[in-house]
Amino acid sequence: MGYCLMKINGITNRWFFNVFGVILIIIIGFECVLGAVVFKYYYDSVTKYLQYRADQTSSFFNRFTLSEYTNFYAGTKKLIDDFNDKDKIELQILDTSGMLIFSSSGFSPRTKVTTSDVEAARWGELKQYVGTNSSTDEKIMAVSSALRDKDGKISGAAVDVYDCEPPEDYRLSDLQ
């Protein structure tokens, strides 16, 4: 005969384990569903925030910055310098070939960004990208929007990037 870790004798013991086993399975299932709902809410909130920021950045640049600056590079530099949400997201400015020109993080290597959102911005579309940053292997979410010159021609893209791997002291209220 094999060894049994716990012997269940009697109808009372079997009833007890059956009832609490079912309750435990229901509680675990509920926690899994709740976790999925919270994750979806968080993901959707970040997506909407990034889309809002990208749209606002593009609109502000296209309406106001170009009226003061005739040079695209001077206007984008001013846009980066005046960017207020540096502690929440990173703003990157790319030229039409996808090369990184400026970054609000202060670190702007001349790298080419080839994600699907940047390609869509070249055609004037607002698109989201979720994936991995190839240079840092961090999981990111990004939304790109087109930046236009005075003639309405697309001259580059503004990319709002959110790091999906929060630091140790991160709070959900930081996004608001």
C-alpha atoms as a PDB file:
ATOM      1  CA  MET A   1       0.000   0.000   0.000  1.00  0.00           C
ATOM      2  CA  GLY A   2       1.068   3.575  -0.725  1.00  0.00           C
ATOM      3  CA  TYR A   3       1.478   6.262   1.828  1.00  0.00           C
ATOM      4  CA  CYS A   4      -1.277   8.824   2.151  1.00  0.00           C
ATOM      5  CA  LEU A   5      -0.354  12.270   3.409  1.00  0.00           C
ATOM      6  CA  MET A   6      -3.782  12.910   4.834  1.00  0.00           C
ATOM      7  CA  LYS A   7      -6.356  10.327   5.543  1.00  0.00           C
ATOM      8  CA  ILE A   8      -9.946  11.424   5.170  1.00  0.00           C
ATOM      9  CA  ASN A   9     -12.197   9.317   7.299  1.00  0.00           C
ATOM     10  CA  GLY A  10     -15.859   9.728   7.845  1.00  0.00           C
ATOM     11  CA  ILE A  11     -18.574  11.664   6.158  1.00  0.00           C
ATOM     12  CA  THR A  12     -17.908  14.845   8.177  1.00  0.00           C
ATOM     13  CA  ASN A  13     -14.294  15.073   7.055  1.00  0.00           C
ATOM     14  CA  ARG A  14     -15.171  14.376   3.406  1.00  0.00           C
ATOM     15  CA  TRP A  15     -17.939  16.995   3.518  1.00  0.00           C
ATOM     16  CA  PHE A  16     -15.572  19.531   5.087  1.00  0.00           C
ATOM     17  CA  PHE A  17     -12.877  19.043   2.420  1.00  0.00           C
ATOM     18  CA  ASN A  18     -15.369  18.987  -0.452  1.00  0.00           C
ATOM     19  CA  VAL A  19     -17.133  22.185   0.634  1.00  0.00           C
ATOM     20  CA  PHE A  20     -13.990  24.161   1.428  1.00  0.00           C
ATOM     21  CA  GLY A  21     -12.245  22.790  -1.673  1.00  0.00           C
ATOM     22  CA  VAL A  22     -15.022  24.199  -3.855  1.00  0.00           C
ATOM     23  CA  ILE A  23     -14.965  27.506  -1.956  1.00  0.00           C
ATOM     24  CA  LEU A  24     -11.173  27.716  -2.369  1.00  0.00           C
ATOM     25  CA  ILE A  25     -11.438  27.086  -6.116  1.00  0.00           C
ATOM     26  CA  ILE A  26     -14.133  29.791  -6.414  1.00  0.00           C
ATOM     27  CA  ILE A  27     -11.990  32.304  -4.494  1.00  0.00           C
ATOM     28  CA  ILE A  28      -8.910  31.578  -6.637  1.00  0.00           C
ATOM     29  CA  GLY A  29     -10.989  31.917  -9.806  1.00  0.00           C
ATOM     30  CA  PHE A  30     -12.432  35.216  -8.573  1.00  0.00           C
ATOM     31  CA  GLU A  31      -8.945  36.571  -7.834  1.00  0.00           C
ATOM     32  CA  CYS A  32      -7.748  35.596 -11.314  1.00  0.00           C
ATOM     33  CA  VAL A  33     -10.696  37.358 -12.953  1.00  0.00           C
ATOM     34  CA  LEU A  34     -10.225  40.422 -10.725  1.00  0.00           C
ATOM     35  CA  GLY A  35      -6.526  40.559 -11.625  1.00  0.00           C
ATOM     36  CA  ALA A  36      -7.346  40.412 -15.335  1.00  0.00           C
ATOM     37  CA  VAL A  37      -9.924  43.210 -14.978  1.00  0.00           C
ATOM     38  CA  VAL A  38      -7.467  45.448 -13.085  1.00  0.00           C
ATOM     39  CA  PHE A  39      -4.757  44.773 -15.690  1.00  0.00           C
ATOM     40  CA  LYS A  40      -7.135  45.617 -18.562  1.00  0.00           C
ATOM     41  CA  TYR A  41      -8.256  48.822 -16.816  1.00  0.00           C
ATOM     42  CA  TYR A  42      -4.637  49.884 -16.216  1.00  0.00           C
ATOM     43  CA  TYR A  43      -3.615  49.029 -19.787  1.00  0.00           C
ATOM     44  CA  ASP A  44      -6.574  50.932 -21.287  1.00  0.00           C
ATOM     45  CA  SER A  45      -5.920  53.943 -19.031  1.00  0.00           C
ATOM     46  CA  VAL A  46      -2.292  54.179 -20.113  1.00  0.00           C
ATOM     47  CA  THR A  47      -3.286  53.760 -23.765  1.00  0.00           C
ATOM     48  CA  LYS A  48      -5.875  56.543 -23.598  1.00  0.00           C
ATOM     49  CA  TYR A  49      -3.454  58.828 -21.767  1.00  0.00           C
ATOM     50  CA  LEU A  50      -0.709  58.273 -24.347  1.00  0.00           C
ATOM     51  CA  GLN A  51      -3.108  58.810 -27.239  1.00  0.00           C
ATOM     52  CA  TYR A  52      -4.335  62.030 -25.619  1.00  0.00           C
ATOM     53  CA  ARG A  53      -0.759  63.258 -25.031  1.00  0.00           C
ATOM     54  CA  ALA A  54       0.314  62.384 -28.582  1.00  0.00           C
ATOM     55  CA  ASP A  55      -2.666  64.189 -30.064  1.00  0.00           C
ATOM     56  CA  GLN A  56      -2.091  67.235 -27.854  1.00  0.00           C
ATOM     57  CA  THR A  57       1.632  67.321 -28.636  1.00  0.00           C
ATOM     58  CA  SER A  58       1.032  67.147 -32.365  1.00  0.00           C
ATOM     59  CA  SER A  59      -1.742  69.754 -32.270  1.00  0.00           C
ATOM     60  CA  PHE A  60       0.297  72.140 -30.127  1.00  0.00           C
ATOM     61  CA  PHE A  61       3.330  71.827 -32.366  1.00  0.00           C
ATOM     62  CA  ASN A  62       1.366  72.186 -35.590  1.00  0.00           C
ATOM     63  CA  ARG A  63      -0.592  75.240 -34.373  1.00  0.00           C
ATOM     64  CA  PHE A  64       1.640  77.240 -32.071  1.00  0.00           C
ATOM     65  CA  THR A  65       5.263  76.187 -32.190  1.00  0.00           C
ATOM     66  CA  LEU A  66       5.642  76.532 -35.936  1.00  0.00           C
ATOM     67  CA  SER A  67       4.153  80.020 -35.820  1.00  0.00           C
ATOM     68  CA  GLU A  68       7.103  81.121 -33.648  1.00  0.00           C
ATOM     69  CA  TYR A  69       9.863  78.994 -35.162  1.00  0.00           C
ATOM     70  CA  THR A  70      10.437  78.697 -38.880  1.00  0.00           C
ATOM     71  CA  ASN A  71      12.985  75.916 -38.468  1.00  0.00           C
ATOM     72  CA  PHE A  72      11.607  72.423 -37.721  1.00  0.00           C
ATOM     73  CA  TYR A  73      14.571  71.531 -35.491  1.00  0.00           C
ATOM     74  CA  ALA A  74      14.332  74.715 -33.429  1.00  0.00           C
ATOM     75  CA  GLY A  75      10.598  74.164 -32.983  1.00  0.00           C
ATOM     76  CA  THR A  76      11.024  70.550 -31.873  1.00  0.00           C
ATOM     77  CA  LYS A  77      13.821  71.512 -29.481  1.00  0.00           C
ATOM     78  CA  LYS A  78      11.471  74.084 -27.915  1.00  0.00           C
ATOM     79  CA  LEU A  79       8.763  71.412 -27.707  1.00  0.00           C
ATOM     80  CA  ILE A  80      11.140  69.078 -25.829  1.00  0.00           C
ATOM     81  CA  ASP A  81      12.355  71.844 -23.522  1.00  0.00           C
ATOM     82  CA  ASP A  82       8.781  72.820 -22.592  1.00  0.00           C
ATOM     83  CA  PHE A  83       7.580  69.233 -22.119  1.00  0.00           C
ATOM     84  CA  ASN A  84       6.031  69.007 -18.627  1.00  0.00           C
ATOM     85  CA  ASP A  85       5.449  65.262 -18.134  1.00  0.00           C
ATOM     86  CA  LYS A  86       9.096  64.167 -18.141  1.00  0.00           C
ATOM     87  CA  ASP A  87       8.575  62.311 -14.862  1.00  0.00           C
ATOM     88  CA  LYS A  88       5.732  60.202 -16.332  1.00  0.00           C
ATOM     89  CA  ILE A  89       6.538  59.587 -19.980  1.00  0.00           C
ATOM     90  CA  GLU A  90       9.307  60.228 -22.466  1.00  0.00           C
ATOM     91  CA  LEU A  91       8.769  62.392 -25.527  1.00  0.00           C
ATOM     92  CA  GLN A  92      10.903  61.576 -28.546  1.00  0.00           C
ATOM     93  CA  ILE A  93      11.156  63.587 -31.755  1.00  0.00           C
ATOM     94  CA  LEU A  94      11.997  61.719 -34.941  1.00  0.00           C
ATOM     95  CA  ASP A  95      12.719  62.976 -38.438  1.00  0.00           C
ATOM     96  CA  THR A  96      10.943  61.585 -41.521  1.00  0.00           C
ATOM     97  CA  SER A  97      13.390  58.689 -41.834  1.00  0.00           C
ATOM     98  CA  GLY A  98      12.705  57.589 -38.245  1.00  0.00           C
ATOM     99  CA  MET A  99      16.000  58.831 -36.792  1.00  0.00           C
ATOM    100  CA  LEU A 100      15.800  60.039 -33.198  1.00  0.00           C
ATOM    101  CA  ILE A 101      16.562  63.764 -33.046  1.00  0.00           C
ATOM    102  CA  PHE A 102      15.596  64.799 -29.506  1.00  0.00           C
ATOM    103  CA  SER A 103      14.406  63.054 -26.371  1.00  0.00           C
ATOM    104  CA  SER A 104      12.959  64.478 -23.167  1.00  0.00           C
ATOM    105  CA  SER A 105      15.084  62.019 -21.188  1.00  0.00           C
ATOM    106  CA  GLY A 106      18.139  64.071 -22.150  1.00  0.00           C
ATOM    107  CA  PHE A 107      19.725  61.064 -23.809  1.00  0.00           C
ATOM    108  CA  SER A 108      19.283  61.071 -27.560  1.00  0.00           C
ATOM    109  CA  PRO A 109      21.522  58.713 -29.466  1.00  0.00           C
ATOM    110  CA  ARG A 110      21.215  58.819 -33.240  1.00  0.00           C
ATOM    111  CA  THR A 111      19.242  55.608 -33.555  1.00  0.00           C
ATOM    112  CA  LYS A 112      16.606  54.683 -36.075  1.00  0.00           C
ATOM    113  CA  VAL A 113      13.177  53.740 -34.728  1.00  0.00           C
ATOM    114  CA  THR A 114      11.343  51.265 -36.957  1.00  0.00           C
ATOM    115  CA  THR A 115       8.236  50.387 -34.959  1.00  0.00           C
ATOM    116  CA  SER A 116       4.758  50.194 -36.503  1.00  0.00           C
ATOM    117  CA  ASP A 117       3.547  53.376 -34.792  1.00  0.00           C
ATOM    118  CA  VAL A 118       6.377  55.425 -36.314  1.00  0.00           C
ATOM    119  CA  GLU A 119       5.594  54.032 -39.764  1.00  0.00           C
ATOM    120  CA  ALA A 120       1.932  55.031 -39.298  1.00  0.00           C
ATOM    121  CA  ALA A 121       2.951  58.551 -38.194  1.00  0.00           C
ATOM    122  CA  ARG A 122       4.779  58.987 -41.504  1.00  0.00           C
ATOM    123  CA  TRP A 123       1.365  58.731 -43.151  1.00  0.00           C
ATOM    124  CA  GLY A 124      -0.320  61.045 -40.655  1.00  0.00           C
ATOM    125  CA  GLU A 125      -1.942  58.314 -38.545  1.00  0.00           C
ATOM    126  CA  LEU A 126      -2.013  58.025 -34.761  1.00  0.00           C
ATOM    127  CA  LYS A 127      -1.052  54.479 -33.786  1.00  0.00           C
ATOM    128  CA  GLN A 128      -0.009  52.569 -30.676  1.00  0.00           C
ATOM    129  CA  TYR A 129       2.926  50.199 -30.248  1.00  0.00           C
ATOM    130  CA  VAL A 130       3.366  47.727 -27.405  1.00  0.00           C
ATOM    131  CA  GLY A 131       6.596  45.781 -27.342  1.00  0.00           C
ATOM    132  CA  THR A 132      10.205  45.861 -26.272  1.00  0.00           C
ATOM    133  CA  ASN A 133      12.677  48.712 -26.597  1.00  0.00           C
ATOM    134  CA  SER A 134      15.442  47.161 -28.698  1.00  0.00           C
ATOM    135  CA  SER A 135      18.229  49.125 -27.004  1.00  0.00           C
ATOM    136  CA  THR A 136      17.182  48.582 -23.365  1.00  0.00           C
ATOM    137  CA  ASP A 137      15.021  45.410 -23.497  1.00  0.00           C
ATOM    138  CA  GLU A 138      12.365  47.227 -21.447  1.00  0.00           C
ATOM    139  CA  LYS A 139       8.708  46.599 -22.143  1.00  0.00           C
ATOM    140  CA  ILE A 140       7.217  49.828 -23.496  1.00  0.00           C
ATOM    141  CA  MET A 141       4.008  51.296 -24.801  1.00  0.00           C
ATOM    142  CA  ALA A 142       4.303  54.115 -27.336  1.00  0.00           C
ATOM    143  CA  VAL A 143       2.009  56.289 -29.437  1.00  0.00           C
ATOM    144  CA  SER A 144       3.311  58.284 -32.394  1.00  0.00           C
ATOM    145  CA  SER A 145       1.815  61.299 -34.097  1.00  0.00           C
ATOM    146  CA  ALA A 146       2.880  63.272 -37.148  1.00  0.00           C
ATOM    147  CA  LEU A 147       4.529  66.682 -36.915  1.00  0.00           C
ATOM    148  CA  ARG A 148       3.938  68.955 -39.890  1.00  0.00           C
ATOM    149  CA  ASP A 149       5.793  71.963 -41.233  1.00  0.00           C
ATOM    150  CA  LYS A 150       4.189  75.276 -42.185  1.00  0.00           C
ATOM    151  CA  ASP A 151       3.145  73.890 -45.571  1.00  0.00           C
ATOM    152  CA  GLY A 152       1.321  70.961 -43.945  1.00  0.00           C
ATOM    153  CA  LYS A 153       3.928  68.437 -45.095  1.00  0.00           C
ATOM    154  CA  ILE A 154       4.922  65.771 -42.545  1.00  0.00           C
ATOM    155  CA  SER A 155       8.391  66.646 -41.261  1.00  0.00           C
ATOM    156  CA  GLY A 156       8.732  64.137 -38.445  1.00  0.00           C
ATOM    157  CA  ALA A 157       6.981  62.397 -35.601  1.00  0.00           C
ATOM    158  CA  ALA A 158       6.438  62.895 -31.899  1.00  0.00           C
ATOM    159  CA  VAL A 159       6.545  59.631 -29.946  1.00  0.00           C
ATOM    160  CA  ASP A 160       5.177  59.424 -26.408  1.00  0.00           C
ATOM    161  CA  VAL A 161       6.816  56.447 -24.686  1.00  0.00           C
ATOM    162  CA  TYR A 162       5.720  54.852 -21.414  1.00  0.00           C
ATOM    163  CA  ASP A 163       7.906  52.322 -19.619  1.00  0.00           C
ATOM    164  CA  CYS A 164       5.650  49.401 -18.647  1.00  0.00           C
ATOM    165  CA  GLU A 165       8.109  48.229 -15.991  1.00  0.00           C
ATOM    166  CA  PRO A 166       7.528  50.687 -13.143  1.00  0.00           C
ATOM    167  CA  PRO A 167      10.170  51.460 -10.517  1.00  0.00           C
ATOM    168  CA  GLU A 168       9.960  50.072  -6.992  1.00  0.00           C
ATOM    169  CA  ASP A 169       8.259  53.153  -5.516  1.00  0.00           C
ATOM    170  CA  TYR A 170       5.643  53.453  -8.273  1.00  0.00           C
ATOM    171  CA  ARG A 171       2.017  54.300  -7.441  1.00  0.00           C
ATOM    172  CA  LEU A 172      -0.964  54.007  -9.775  1.00  0.00           C
ATOM    173  CA  SER A 173      -1.940  57.579  -8.850  1.00  0.00           C
ATOM    174  CA  ASP A 174       1.243  58.845 -10.586  1.00  0.00           C
ATOM    175  CA  LEU A 175      -0.493  58.684 -13.973  1.00  0.00           C
ATOM    176  CA  GLN A 176      -3.230  61.113 -13.004  1.00  0.00           C
END
